[in-house]
């Protein structure tokens, strides 16, 4: 599978692009299974929701230290996901503003971006972490970015690799691309486009633009 169109849209109407970070732009291989095992929580537990639910200050401090360690270890190993750099370049050529909305902590996100050579304020602006807006799937991050860009949420294309990303886009009333290079999850049907190869996505958008000019 290269791309699957669930709900077609006109790319020429897109005014800005928001990316998730880990698993979308960066191949950082976060060990979520190991993290959940060390925290003693179920495999599908939302880690951030678990952290917020802790009332014991000692346990909360310990949990935060464990999560921070895992996040930093992951970010130091970050590399580009195949085709992601070319996708960002294409959007830049179309003069579309680009931003990142991540559930990461700021320090980990910045290390990841440094590894990729992505400059905040130049290549992307803004970078919003879970410290800057309510964590996905809450749409607050998208809304804040749209306020900065002075565009409507319906004019945003949100690209991510997980359920929370698609839920965030839907909650904000934005369009979405699910990056899923291997197994396609059940929730993929909720995305406008399911993409297994970023280069194929670029070609799809180029074809749309070519048809407009013909």
N, C-alpha and C. Protein backbone atom coordinates (compact mmCIF):
# COMPACT_ATOMS: atom_id res chain seq x y z
N UNK A 1 0.84 -1.20 0.00
CA UNK A 1 0.00 0.00 0.00
C UNK A 1 0.87 1.25 0.00
N UNK A 2 0.57 2.18 -0.93
CA UNK A 2 1.26 3.47 -0.92
C UNK A 2 0.38 4.51 -0.24
N UNK A 3 -0.77 4.79 -0.86
CA UNK A 3 -1.74 5.66 -0.20
C UNK A 3 -3.15 5.13 -0.47
N UNK A 4 -4.01 5.35 0.49
CA UNK A 4 -5.42 5.00 0.35
C UNK A 4 -6.24 6.25 0.66
N UNK A 5 -7.11 6.62 -0.25
CA UNK A 5 -7.94 7.80 -0.06
C UNK A 5 -9.27 7.37 0.54
N UNK A 6 -9.52 7.74 1.77
CA UNK A 6 -10.81 7.45 2.41
C UNK A 6 -11.82 8.55 2.13
N UNK A 7 -11.37 9.77 2.27
CA UNK A 7 -12.22 10.94 2.02
C UNK A 7 -11.38 11.98 1.27
N UNK A 8 -11.66 12.12 -0.01
CA UNK A 8 -10.84 12.99 -0.85
C UNK A 8 -11.01 14.46 -0.45
N UNK A 9 -9.95 15.24 -0.64
CA UNK A 9 -10.01 16.68 -0.43
C UNK A 9 -9.08 17.37 -1.43
N UNK A 10 -9.30 18.64 -1.60
CA UNK A 10 -8.53 19.44 -2.55
C UNK A 10 -7.30 20.00 -1.85
N UNK A 11 -6.13 19.49 -2.20
CA UNK A 11 -4.90 19.92 -1.54
C UNK A 11 -4.65 21.42 -1.71
N UNK A 12 -5.12 21.98 -2.80
CA UNK A 12 -4.87 23.41 -3.05
C UNK A 12 -5.56 24.30 -2.01
N UNK A 13 -6.51 23.72 -1.28
CA UNK A 13 -7.22 24.50 -0.26
C UNK A 13 -6.53 24.44 1.10
N UNK A 14 -5.49 23.64 1.21
CA UNK A 14 -4.74 23.54 2.47
C UNK A 14 -3.91 24.80 2.67
N UNK A 15 -3.98 25.37 3.88
CA UNK A 15 -3.25 26.62 4.18
C UNK A 15 -2.10 26.40 5.17
N UNK A 16 -2.02 25.21 5.79
CA UNK A 16 -0.95 24.94 6.75
C UNK A 16 -0.92 23.47 7.10
N UNK A 17 0.25 23.00 7.54
CA UNK A 17 0.44 21.58 7.86
C UNK A 17 0.99 21.45 9.28
N UNK A 18 0.37 20.55 10.04
CA UNK A 18 0.84 20.25 11.39
C UNK A 18 1.26 18.78 11.43
N UNK A 19 2.46 18.53 11.95
CA UNK A 19 2.99 17.19 12.08
C UNK A 19 3.01 16.74 13.54
N UNK A 20 2.78 15.46 13.74
CA UNK A 20 3.23 14.78 14.95
C UNK A 20 4.75 14.64 14.78
N UNK A 21 5.45 14.17 15.81
CA UNK A 21 6.90 14.07 15.72
C UNK A 21 7.38 12.61 15.68
N UNK A 22 7.37 11.92 16.81
CA UNK A 22 7.85 10.54 16.85
C UNK A 22 6.95 9.63 16.02
N UNK A 23 7.57 8.86 15.14
CA UNK A 23 6.82 7.94 14.31
C UNK A 23 6.23 8.58 13.08
N UNK A 24 6.33 9.90 12.99
CA UNK A 24 5.78 10.63 11.85
C UNK A 24 6.90 11.30 11.05
N UNK A 25 7.72 12.08 11.71
CA UNK A 25 8.92 12.66 11.10
C UNK A 25 10.17 11.93 11.56
N UNK A 26 10.16 11.55 12.83
CA UNK A 26 11.36 10.96 13.45
C UNK A 26 11.17 9.48 13.74
N UNK A 27 12.12 8.69 13.31
CA UNK A 27 12.19 7.28 13.69
C UNK A 27 13.05 7.20 14.94
N UNK A 28 12.39 7.24 16.09
CA UNK A 28 13.12 7.27 17.37
C UNK A 28 12.91 5.99 18.17
N UNK A 29 12.06 5.11 17.66
CA UNK A 29 11.81 3.81 18.30
C UNK A 29 11.57 3.90 19.80
N UNK A 30 10.63 4.72 20.24
CA UNK A 30 10.35 4.78 21.68
C UNK A 30 9.85 3.43 22.19
N UNK A 31 10.42 2.99 23.28
CA UNK A 31 10.08 1.68 23.84
C UNK A 31 8.89 1.81 24.79
N UNK A 32 7.71 2.02 24.20
CA UNK A 32 6.51 2.20 25.02
C UNK A 32 6.16 0.93 25.80
N UNK A 33 6.42 -0.21 25.19
CA UNK A 33 6.12 -1.48 25.88
C UNK A 33 6.99 -1.61 27.13
N UNK A 34 8.29 -1.29 26.99
CA UNK A 34 9.19 -1.35 28.12
C UNK A 34 8.84 -0.33 29.18
N UNK A 35 8.43 0.86 28.74
CA UNK A 35 8.05 1.92 29.67
C UNK A 35 6.82 1.50 30.48
N UNK A 36 5.80 0.99 29.78
CA UNK A 36 4.59 0.57 30.49
C UNK A 36 4.90 -0.58 31.45
N UNK A 37 5.78 -1.48 31.02
CA UNK A 37 6.13 -2.60 31.89
C UNK A 37 6.83 -2.11 33.15
N UNK A 38 7.74 -1.15 33.01
CA UNK A 38 8.46 -0.63 34.17
C UNK A 38 7.53 0.14 35.10
N UNK A 39 6.52 0.79 34.51
CA UNK A 39 5.56 1.53 35.33
C UNK A 39 4.50 0.61 35.93
N UNK A 40 4.42 -0.62 35.41
CA UNK A 40 3.45 -1.57 35.92
C UNK A 40 2.03 -1.29 35.49
N UNK A 41 1.87 -0.77 34.25
CA UNK A 41 0.53 -0.47 33.75
C UNK A 41 0.23 -1.34 32.53
N UNK A 42 -1.02 -1.45 32.19
CA UNK A 42 -1.47 -2.31 31.09
C UNK A 42 -0.91 -1.84 29.75
N UNK A 43 -0.76 -2.75 28.79
CA UNK A 43 -0.15 -2.44 27.50
C UNK A 43 -0.77 -1.27 26.74
N UNK A 44 -2.08 -1.08 26.81
CA UNK A 44 -2.73 -0.02 26.04
C UNK A 44 -3.02 1.23 26.85
N UNK A 45 -2.50 1.30 28.06
CA UNK A 45 -2.78 2.46 28.92
C UNK A 45 -2.18 3.74 28.35
N UNK A 46 -2.96 4.82 28.35
CA UNK A 46 -2.46 6.13 27.95
C UNK A 46 -1.51 6.60 29.06
N UNK A 47 -0.23 6.71 28.74
CA UNK A 47 0.79 7.01 29.74
C UNK A 47 0.57 8.37 30.38
N UNK A 48 0.24 9.38 29.58
CA UNK A 48 0.04 10.72 30.13
C UNK A 48 -1.20 10.76 31.03
N UNK A 49 -2.24 10.05 30.63
CA UNK A 49 -3.45 9.99 31.47
C UNK A 49 -3.14 9.29 32.78
N UNK A 50 -2.29 8.27 32.72
CA UNK A 50 -1.89 7.57 33.95
C UNK A 50 -1.13 8.52 34.87
N UNK A 51 -0.21 9.29 34.31
CA UNK A 51 0.57 10.23 35.12
C UNK A 51 -0.36 11.22 35.82
N UNK A 52 -1.33 11.73 35.08
CA UNK A 52 -2.25 12.72 35.65
C UNK A 52 -3.14 12.13 36.73
N UNK A 53 -3.34 10.81 36.69
CA UNK A 53 -4.23 10.16 37.66
C UNK A 53 -3.56 9.87 38.99
N UNK A 54 -2.22 9.98 39.05
CA UNK A 54 -1.48 9.63 40.26
C UNK A 54 -1.67 10.71 41.32
N UNK A 55 -2.06 10.29 42.51
CA UNK A 55 -2.26 11.23 43.62
C UNK A 55 -1.15 11.15 44.67
N UNK A 56 -0.42 10.05 44.69
CA UNK A 56 0.69 9.88 45.62
C UNK A 56 1.90 10.65 45.10
N UNK A 57 2.36 11.68 45.82
CA UNK A 57 3.46 12.51 45.32
C UNK A 57 4.76 11.74 45.13
N UNK A 58 5.03 10.75 45.95
CA UNK A 58 6.25 9.95 45.80
C UNK A 58 6.18 9.13 44.51
N UNK A 59 5.04 8.49 44.29
CA UNK A 59 4.86 7.71 43.07
C UNK A 59 4.88 8.62 41.84
N UNK A 60 4.29 9.78 41.97
CA UNK A 60 4.26 10.73 40.85
C UNK A 60 5.67 11.15 40.46
N UNK A 61 6.51 11.44 41.46
CA UNK A 61 7.88 11.85 41.19
C UNK A 61 8.68 10.71 40.55
N UNK A 62 8.51 9.51 41.07
CA UNK A 62 9.20 8.35 40.51
C UNK A 62 8.77 8.10 39.06
N UNK A 63 7.47 8.17 38.82
CA UNK A 63 6.93 7.93 37.47
C UNK A 63 7.47 8.96 36.49
N UNK A 64 7.50 10.21 36.90
CA UNK A 64 7.99 11.27 36.01
C UNK A 64 9.46 11.05 35.66
N UNK A 65 10.25 10.58 36.62
CA UNK A 65 11.67 10.32 36.35
C UNK A 65 11.83 9.19 35.34
N UNK A 66 11.02 8.15 35.48
CA UNK A 66 11.09 7.02 34.55
C UNK A 66 10.69 7.45 33.15
N UNK A 67 9.61 8.20 33.04
CA UNK A 67 9.12 8.67 31.74
C UNK A 67 10.15 9.58 31.09
N UNK A 68 10.73 10.48 31.88
CA UNK A 68 11.75 11.39 31.35
C UNK A 68 12.95 10.62 30.81
N UNK A 69 13.37 9.60 31.53
CA UNK A 69 14.52 8.80 31.08
C UNK A 69 14.23 8.13 29.74
N UNK A 70 13.06 7.55 29.62
CA UNK A 70 12.70 6.89 28.36
C UNK A 70 12.60 7.89 27.21
N UNK A 71 12.02 9.04 27.46
CA UNK A 71 11.86 10.05 26.41
C UNK A 71 13.21 10.54 25.91
N UNK A 72 14.13 10.82 26.83
CA UNK A 72 15.43 11.33 26.43
C UNK A 72 16.24 10.27 25.69
N UNK A 73 16.19 9.02 26.17
CA UNK A 73 16.90 7.94 25.48
C UNK A 73 16.40 7.80 24.05
N UNK A 74 15.11 7.89 23.88
CA UNK A 74 14.51 7.77 22.56
C UNK A 74 14.93 8.91 21.64
N UNK A 75 14.90 10.13 22.15
CA UNK A 75 15.18 11.31 21.32
C UNK A 75 16.62 11.34 20.84
N UNK A 76 17.55 10.83 21.64
CA UNK A 76 18.95 10.84 21.24
C UNK A 76 19.22 9.91 20.06
N UNK A 77 18.33 8.96 19.81
CA UNK A 77 18.51 8.01 18.71
C UNK A 77 17.70 8.36 17.47
N UNK A 78 17.07 9.53 17.46
CA UNK A 78 16.14 9.88 16.39
C UNK A 78 16.82 10.05 15.04
N UNK A 79 16.18 9.51 14.01
CA UNK A 79 16.60 9.67 12.62
C UNK A 79 15.38 9.99 11.78
N UNK A 80 15.61 10.50 10.57
CA UNK A 80 14.49 10.81 9.67
C UNK A 80 13.75 9.53 9.28
N UNK A 81 12.45 9.60 9.25
CA UNK A 81 11.65 8.56 8.63
C UNK A 81 11.75 8.74 7.12
N UNK A 82 11.82 7.65 6.40
CA UNK A 82 12.00 7.70 4.95
C UNK A 82 10.94 8.57 4.28
N UNK A 83 11.40 9.53 3.51
CA UNK A 83 10.51 10.39 2.74
C UNK A 83 9.99 11.60 3.49
N UNK A 84 10.16 11.65 4.80
CA UNK A 84 9.60 12.74 5.59
C UNK A 84 10.28 14.08 5.27
N UNK A 85 11.57 14.04 5.07
CA UNK A 85 12.30 15.28 4.75
C UNK A 85 11.83 15.83 3.40
N UNK A 86 11.64 14.94 2.44
CA UNK A 86 11.17 15.36 1.11
C UNK A 86 9.75 15.92 1.20
N UNK A 87 8.93 15.33 2.07
CA UNK A 87 7.57 15.83 2.25
C UNK A 87 7.59 17.25 2.80
N UNK A 88 8.41 17.50 3.81
CA UNK A 88 8.51 18.84 4.36
C UNK A 88 9.03 19.83 3.34
N UNK A 89 9.98 19.40 2.53
CA UNK A 89 10.52 20.27 1.48
C UNK A 89 9.44 20.64 0.47
N UNK A 90 8.61 19.66 0.13
CA UNK A 90 7.51 19.92 -0.81
C UNK A 90 6.55 20.97 -0.24
N UNK A 91 6.19 20.81 1.02
CA UNK A 91 5.28 21.79 1.64
C UNK A 91 5.92 23.18 1.68
N UNK A 92 7.22 23.21 1.93
CA UNK A 92 7.93 24.49 1.94
C UNK A 92 7.89 25.14 0.56
N UNK A 93 8.03 24.33 -0.47
CA UNK A 93 7.96 24.84 -1.85
C UNK A 93 6.59 25.42 -2.16
N UNK A 94 5.58 24.87 -1.51
CA UNK A 94 4.21 25.38 -1.69
C UNK A 94 3.92 26.57 -0.79
N UNK A 95 4.95 26.99 -0.03
CA UNK A 95 4.86 28.14 0.87
C UNK A 95 3.79 27.94 1.94
N UNK A 96 3.69 26.69 2.42
CA UNK A 96 2.77 26.37 3.50
C UNK A 96 3.50 26.43 4.83
N UNK A 97 2.95 27.12 5.83
CA UNK A 97 3.56 27.08 7.15
C UNK A 97 3.46 25.67 7.72
N UNK A 98 4.49 25.27 8.49
CA UNK A 98 4.52 23.94 9.07
C UNK A 98 4.80 24.04 10.57
N UNK A 99 4.14 23.17 11.33
CA UNK A 99 4.29 23.17 12.78
C UNK A 99 4.36 21.73 13.27
N UNK A 100 4.78 21.57 14.52
CA UNK A 100 4.81 20.26 15.16
C UNK A 100 4.01 20.32 16.45
N UNK A 101 3.12 19.34 16.62
CA UNK A 101 2.34 19.21 17.84
C UNK A 101 2.61 17.81 18.39
N UNK A 102 3.30 17.75 19.52
CA UNK A 102 3.74 16.47 20.06
C UNK A 102 3.35 16.31 21.52
N UNK A 103 3.16 15.07 21.93
CA UNK A 103 2.93 14.78 23.35
C UNK A 103 4.24 14.65 24.11
N UNK A 104 5.37 14.87 23.44
CA UNK A 104 6.69 14.81 24.08
C UNK A 104 6.88 15.94 25.07
N UNK A 105 7.90 15.78 25.92
CA UNK A 105 8.36 16.88 26.76
C UNK A 105 9.26 17.78 25.90
N UNK A 106 9.37 19.08 26.23
CA UNK A 106 10.14 20.00 25.40
C UNK A 106 11.59 19.59 25.16
N UNK A 107 12.30 19.15 26.20
CA UNK A 107 13.70 18.80 26.05
C UNK A 107 13.89 17.66 25.06
N UNK A 108 13.04 16.63 25.15
CA UNK A 108 13.14 15.49 24.24
C UNK A 108 12.82 15.91 22.81
N UNK A 109 11.80 16.74 22.64
CA UNK A 109 11.42 17.19 21.31
C UNK A 109 12.55 17.99 20.66
N UNK A 110 13.19 18.84 21.43
CA UNK A 110 14.27 19.67 20.88
C UNK A 110 15.48 18.83 20.50
N UNK A 111 15.79 17.81 21.29
CA UNK A 111 16.89 16.91 20.94
C UNK A 111 16.59 16.19 19.64
N UNK A 112 15.36 15.72 19.50
CA UNK A 112 14.95 15.03 18.28
C UNK A 112 15.09 15.95 17.08
N UNK A 113 14.63 17.17 17.20
CA UNK A 113 14.71 18.12 16.09
C UNK A 113 16.15 18.45 15.74
N UNK A 114 17.00 18.55 16.74
CA UNK A 114 18.42 18.80 16.49
C UNK A 114 19.03 17.65 15.69
N UNK A 115 18.66 16.42 16.04
CA UNK A 115 19.17 15.25 15.31
C UNK A 115 18.74 15.28 13.85
N UNK A 116 17.53 15.78 13.60
CA UNK A 116 17.01 15.82 12.23
C UNK A 116 17.46 17.06 11.48
N UNK A 117 17.97 18.04 12.21
CA UNK A 117 18.36 19.29 11.56
C UNK A 117 17.18 20.19 11.25
N UNK A 118 16.10 20.03 11.99
CA UNK A 118 14.92 20.88 11.82
C UNK A 118 15.03 22.08 12.77
N UNK A 119 14.94 23.27 12.21
CA UNK A 119 15.10 24.48 13.00
C UNK A 119 13.76 25.10 13.35
N UNK A 120 13.51 25.25 14.65
CA UNK A 120 12.28 25.90 15.10
C UNK A 120 12.37 27.38 14.77
N UNK A 121 11.32 27.93 14.19
CA UNK A 121 11.32 29.33 13.78
C UNK A 121 11.73 29.51 12.35
N UNK A 122 12.30 28.46 11.75
CA UNK A 122 12.71 28.52 10.34
C UNK A 122 11.97 27.46 9.54
N UNK A 123 12.22 26.21 9.88
CA UNK A 123 11.57 25.10 9.17
C UNK A 123 10.15 24.85 9.69
N UNK A 124 9.98 24.96 10.99
CA UNK A 124 8.66 24.81 11.60
C UNK A 124 8.46 25.91 12.64
N UNK A 125 7.21 26.34 12.76
CA UNK A 125 6.90 27.38 13.75
C UNK A 125 5.37 27.44 13.91
N UNK A 126 4.88 27.04 15.07
CA UNK A 126 5.62 26.74 16.30
C UNK A 126 5.85 25.25 16.51
N UNK A 127 6.59 24.96 17.59
CA UNK A 127 6.70 23.63 18.16
C UNK A 127 5.90 23.65 19.46
N UNK A 128 4.85 22.83 19.54
CA UNK A 128 4.07 22.75 20.76
C UNK A 128 4.20 21.35 21.36
N UNK A 129 4.56 21.30 22.63
CA UNK A 129 4.68 20.04 23.36
C UNK A 129 3.52 19.92 24.34
N UNK A 130 3.51 18.86 25.13
CA UNK A 130 2.44 18.68 26.12
C UNK A 130 2.52 19.73 27.23
N UNK A 131 3.63 20.47 27.28
CA UNK A 131 3.74 21.55 28.26
C UNK A 131 3.14 22.86 27.72
N UNK A 132 2.86 22.90 26.42
CA UNK A 132 2.39 24.13 25.79
C UNK A 132 0.90 24.12 25.49
N UNK A 133 0.32 22.93 25.40
CA UNK A 133 -1.11 22.80 25.10
C UNK A 133 -1.60 21.49 25.70
N UNK A 134 -2.91 21.36 25.83
CA UNK A 134 -3.47 20.11 26.31
C UNK A 134 -3.06 18.98 25.37
N UNK A 135 -2.72 17.84 25.95
CA UNK A 135 -2.21 16.73 25.15
C UNK A 135 -3.25 16.21 24.16
N UNK A 136 -2.76 15.80 23.00
CA UNK A 136 -3.64 15.14 22.03
C UNK A 136 -4.32 13.94 22.70
N UNK A 137 -5.57 13.69 22.40
CA UNK A 137 -6.36 14.17 21.26
C UNK A 137 -7.14 15.46 21.49
N UNK A 138 -6.85 16.20 22.54
CA UNK A 138 -7.50 17.50 22.71
C UNK A 138 -7.08 18.40 21.55
N UNK A 139 -8.01 19.13 20.94
CA UNK A 139 -7.68 19.96 19.77
C UNK A 139 -7.04 21.30 20.10
N UNK A 140 -6.78 21.57 21.38
CA UNK A 140 -6.27 22.89 21.76
C UNK A 140 -5.00 23.27 21.01
N UNK A 141 -4.09 22.30 20.84
CA UNK A 141 -2.84 22.60 20.15
C UNK A 141 -3.07 23.08 18.72
N UNK A 142 -3.96 22.41 18.01
CA UNK A 142 -4.29 22.82 16.64
C UNK A 142 -4.90 24.22 16.65
N UNK A 143 -5.78 24.46 17.59
CA UNK A 143 -6.44 25.76 17.67
C UNK A 143 -5.44 26.89 17.95
N UNK A 144 -4.47 26.62 18.83
CA UNK A 144 -3.46 27.63 19.13
C UNK A 144 -2.59 27.94 17.92
N UNK A 145 -2.23 26.89 17.18
CA UNK A 145 -1.42 27.08 15.98
C UNK A 145 -2.20 27.88 14.94
N UNK A 146 -3.47 27.57 14.77
CA UNK A 146 -4.29 28.29 13.81
C UNK A 146 -4.45 29.75 14.20
N UNK A 147 -4.54 30.01 15.48
CA UNK A 147 -4.61 31.40 15.93
C UNK A 147 -3.34 32.15 15.55
N UNK A 148 -2.20 31.49 15.73
CA UNK A 148 -0.92 32.12 15.37
C UNK A 148 -0.83 32.37 13.87
N UNK A 149 -1.28 31.40 13.09
CA UNK A 149 -1.21 31.50 11.63
C UNK A 149 -2.36 32.32 11.04
N UNK A 150 -3.40 32.54 11.83
CA UNK A 150 -4.58 33.27 11.39
C UNK A 150 -5.27 32.55 10.23
N UNK A 151 -5.45 31.25 10.40
CA UNK A 151 -6.19 30.46 9.43
C UNK A 151 -7.19 29.58 10.18
N UNK A 152 -8.11 28.99 9.44
CA UNK A 152 -9.15 28.17 10.05
C UNK A 152 -8.65 26.74 10.26
N UNK A 153 -9.18 26.07 11.28
CA UNK A 153 -8.78 24.69 11.53
C UNK A 153 -9.16 23.78 10.36
N UNK A 154 -10.21 24.13 9.62
CA UNK A 154 -10.63 23.33 8.47
C UNK A 154 -9.64 23.42 7.31
N UNK A 155 -8.71 24.38 7.40
CA UNK A 155 -7.71 24.56 6.33
C UNK A 155 -6.38 23.89 6.68
N UNK A 156 -6.38 23.13 7.77
CA UNK A 156 -5.16 22.47 8.27
C UNK A 156 -5.12 21.02 7.81
N UNK A 157 -3.94 20.57 7.44
CA UNK A 157 -3.68 19.14 7.22
C UNK A 157 -2.83 18.64 8.37
N UNK A 158 -3.35 17.68 9.11
CA UNK A 158 -2.63 17.11 10.25
C UNK A 158 -2.08 15.75 9.84
N UNK A 159 -0.79 15.54 10.03
CA UNK A 159 -0.14 14.28 9.65
C UNK A 159 0.43 13.61 10.89
N UNK A 160 0.00 12.38 11.15
CA UNK A 160 0.49 11.65 12.31
C UNK A 160 0.43 10.16 12.08
N UNK A 161 0.94 9.41 13.06
CA UNK A 161 1.06 7.96 12.90
C UNK A 161 0.24 7.17 13.91
N UNK A 162 -0.61 7.87 14.68
CA UNK A 162 -1.29 7.15 15.76
C UNK A 162 -2.72 7.65 15.91
N UNK A 163 -3.50 6.88 16.64
CA UNK A 163 -4.91 7.19 16.87
C UNK A 163 -5.11 8.61 17.39
N UNK A 164 -4.29 9.02 18.36
CA UNK A 164 -4.47 10.35 18.96
C UNK A 164 -4.33 11.46 17.91
N UNK A 165 -3.48 11.24 16.91
CA UNK A 165 -3.29 12.25 15.87
C UNK A 165 -4.54 12.42 15.03
N UNK A 166 -5.14 11.29 14.64
CA UNK A 166 -6.35 11.35 13.83
C UNK A 166 -7.51 11.91 14.65
N UNK A 167 -7.59 11.51 15.90
CA UNK A 167 -8.64 12.05 16.77
C UNK A 167 -8.48 13.55 16.95
N UNK A 168 -7.25 14.01 17.08
CA UNK A 168 -6.99 15.44 17.23
C UNK A 168 -7.47 16.20 16.01
N UNK A 169 -7.13 15.70 14.84
CA UNK A 169 -7.56 16.34 13.60
C UNK A 169 -9.08 16.38 13.52
N UNK A 170 -9.72 15.26 13.81
CA UNK A 170 -11.18 15.20 13.75
C UNK A 170 -11.82 16.12 14.78
N UNK A 171 -11.25 16.15 15.98
CA UNK A 171 -11.79 17.02 17.03
C UNK A 171 -11.66 18.50 16.68
N UNK A 172 -10.61 18.82 15.90
CA UNK A 172 -10.38 20.22 15.52
C UNK A 172 -11.11 20.58 14.22
N UNK A 173 -11.66 19.59 13.53
CA UNK A 173 -12.31 19.84 12.25
C UNK A 173 -11.30 20.02 11.14
N UNK A 174 -10.13 19.40 11.29
CA UNK A 174 -9.07 19.48 10.29
C UNK A 174 -9.02 18.23 9.43
N UNK A 175 -8.27 18.28 8.34
CA UNK A 175 -8.05 17.13 7.48
C UNK A 175 -6.86 16.34 8.01
N UNK A 176 -6.77 15.07 7.64
CA UNK A 176 -5.75 14.23 8.27
C UNK A 176 -5.14 13.22 7.31
N UNK A 177 -3.87 12.92 7.59
CA UNK A 177 -3.15 11.83 6.93
C UNK A 177 -2.60 10.94 8.04
N UNK A 178 -2.91 9.65 7.96
CA UNK A 178 -2.33 8.68 8.88
C UNK A 178 -1.15 8.02 8.20
N UNK A 179 0.04 8.17 8.78
CA UNK A 179 1.23 7.49 8.26
C UNK A 179 1.29 6.11 8.88
N UNK A 180 1.16 5.09 8.04
CA UNK A 180 1.12 3.71 8.52
C UNK A 180 1.86 2.83 7.51
N UNK A 181 3.18 2.70 7.66
CA UNK A 181 3.98 2.00 6.65
C UNK A 181 3.87 0.49 6.67
N UNK A 182 3.28 -0.09 7.70
CA UNK A 182 3.20 -1.55 7.76
C UNK A 182 1.75 -1.97 7.98
N UNK A 183 1.41 -2.38 9.19
CA UNK A 183 0.05 -2.81 9.47
C UNK A 183 -0.89 -1.60 9.54
N UNK A 184 -2.05 -1.74 8.94
CA UNK A 184 -3.03 -0.66 8.95
C UNK A 184 -4.04 -0.90 10.06
N UNK A 185 -4.12 -0.02 11.05
CA UNK A 185 -5.03 -0.22 12.19
C UNK A 185 -6.48 0.02 11.81
N UNK A 186 -7.38 -0.44 12.64
CA UNK A 186 -8.81 -0.27 12.38
C UNK A 186 -9.22 1.19 12.29
N UNK A 187 -8.57 2.04 13.11
CA UNK A 187 -8.97 3.45 13.13
C UNK A 187 -8.50 4.22 11.90
N UNK A 188 -7.78 3.54 10.99
CA UNK A 188 -7.29 4.20 9.79
C UNK A 188 -8.43 4.78 8.95
N UNK A 189 -9.60 4.16 9.03
CA UNK A 189 -10.75 4.63 8.26
C UNK A 189 -11.19 6.04 8.67
N UNK A 190 -10.74 6.49 9.85
CA UNK A 190 -11.11 7.81 10.34
C UNK A 190 -10.25 8.91 9.75
N UNK A 191 -9.18 8.54 9.06
CA UNK A 191 -8.29 9.52 8.42
C UNK A 191 -8.74 9.78 6.99
N UNK A 192 -8.47 10.98 6.49
CA UNK A 192 -8.78 11.26 5.09
C UNK A 192 -7.93 10.43 4.15
N UNK A 193 -6.64 10.33 4.48
CA UNK A 193 -5.70 9.55 3.67
C UNK A 193 -4.88 8.66 4.58
N UNK A 194 -4.67 7.42 4.17
CA UNK A 194 -3.75 6.52 4.85
C UNK A 194 -2.53 6.38 3.95
N UNK A 195 -1.36 6.65 4.49
CA UNK A 195 -0.15 6.74 3.69
C UNK A 195 0.90 5.76 4.19
N UNK A 196 1.41 4.93 3.29
CA UNK A 196 2.48 4.02 3.64
C UNK A 196 3.82 4.48 3.10
N UNK A 197 3.80 5.53 2.27
CA UNK A 197 5.03 6.05 1.65
C UNK A 197 4.85 7.54 1.41
N UNK A 198 5.69 8.35 2.02
CA UNK A 198 5.57 9.79 1.89
C UNK A 198 5.82 10.28 0.47
N UNK A 199 6.69 9.61 -0.26
CA UNK A 199 6.96 10.03 -1.64
C UNK A 199 5.73 9.85 -2.50
N UNK A 200 4.95 8.81 -2.24
CA UNK A 200 3.70 8.61 -2.97
C UNK A 200 2.69 9.70 -2.61
N UNK A 201 2.71 10.14 -1.36
CA UNK A 201 1.83 11.22 -0.94
C UNK A 201 2.19 12.52 -1.66
N UNK A 202 3.48 12.80 -1.78
CA UNK A 202 3.94 13.99 -2.51
C UNK A 202 3.45 13.93 -3.95
N UNK A 203 3.59 12.77 -4.59
CA UNK A 203 3.15 12.62 -5.98
C UNK A 203 1.65 12.83 -6.11
N UNK A 204 0.90 12.35 -5.15
CA UNK A 204 -0.56 12.53 -5.16
C UNK A 204 -0.91 14.01 -5.12
N UNK A 205 -0.27 14.74 -4.23
CA UNK A 205 -0.55 16.18 -4.11
C UNK A 205 -0.08 16.92 -5.37
N UNK A 206 1.05 16.53 -5.92
CA UNK A 206 1.54 17.17 -7.15
C UNK A 206 0.57 16.96 -8.30
N UNK A 207 0.02 15.76 -8.40
CA UNK A 207 -0.94 15.47 -9.45
C UNK A 207 -2.18 16.35 -9.31
N UNK A 208 -2.63 16.55 -8.09
CA UNK A 208 -3.78 17.43 -7.87
C UNK A 208 -3.49 18.85 -8.33
N UNK A 209 -2.30 19.34 -8.00
CA UNK A 209 -1.93 20.69 -8.38
C UNK A 209 -1.78 20.82 -9.89
N UNK A 210 -1.27 19.77 -10.53
CA UNK A 210 -1.11 19.78 -11.98
C UNK A 210 -2.46 19.83 -12.68
N UNK A 211 -3.41 19.09 -12.16
CA UNK A 211 -4.75 19.07 -12.76
C UNK A 211 -5.41 20.43 -12.69
N UNK A 212 -5.12 21.17 -11.63
CA UNK A 212 -5.70 22.52 -11.47
C UNK A 212 -5.16 23.48 -12.52
N UNK A 213 -3.86 23.34 -12.85
CA UNK A 213 -3.22 24.28 -13.77
C UNK A 213 -3.42 23.92 -15.24
N UNK A 214 -3.89 22.68 -15.50
CA UNK A 214 -4.08 22.26 -16.90
C UNK A 214 -5.33 22.90 -17.51
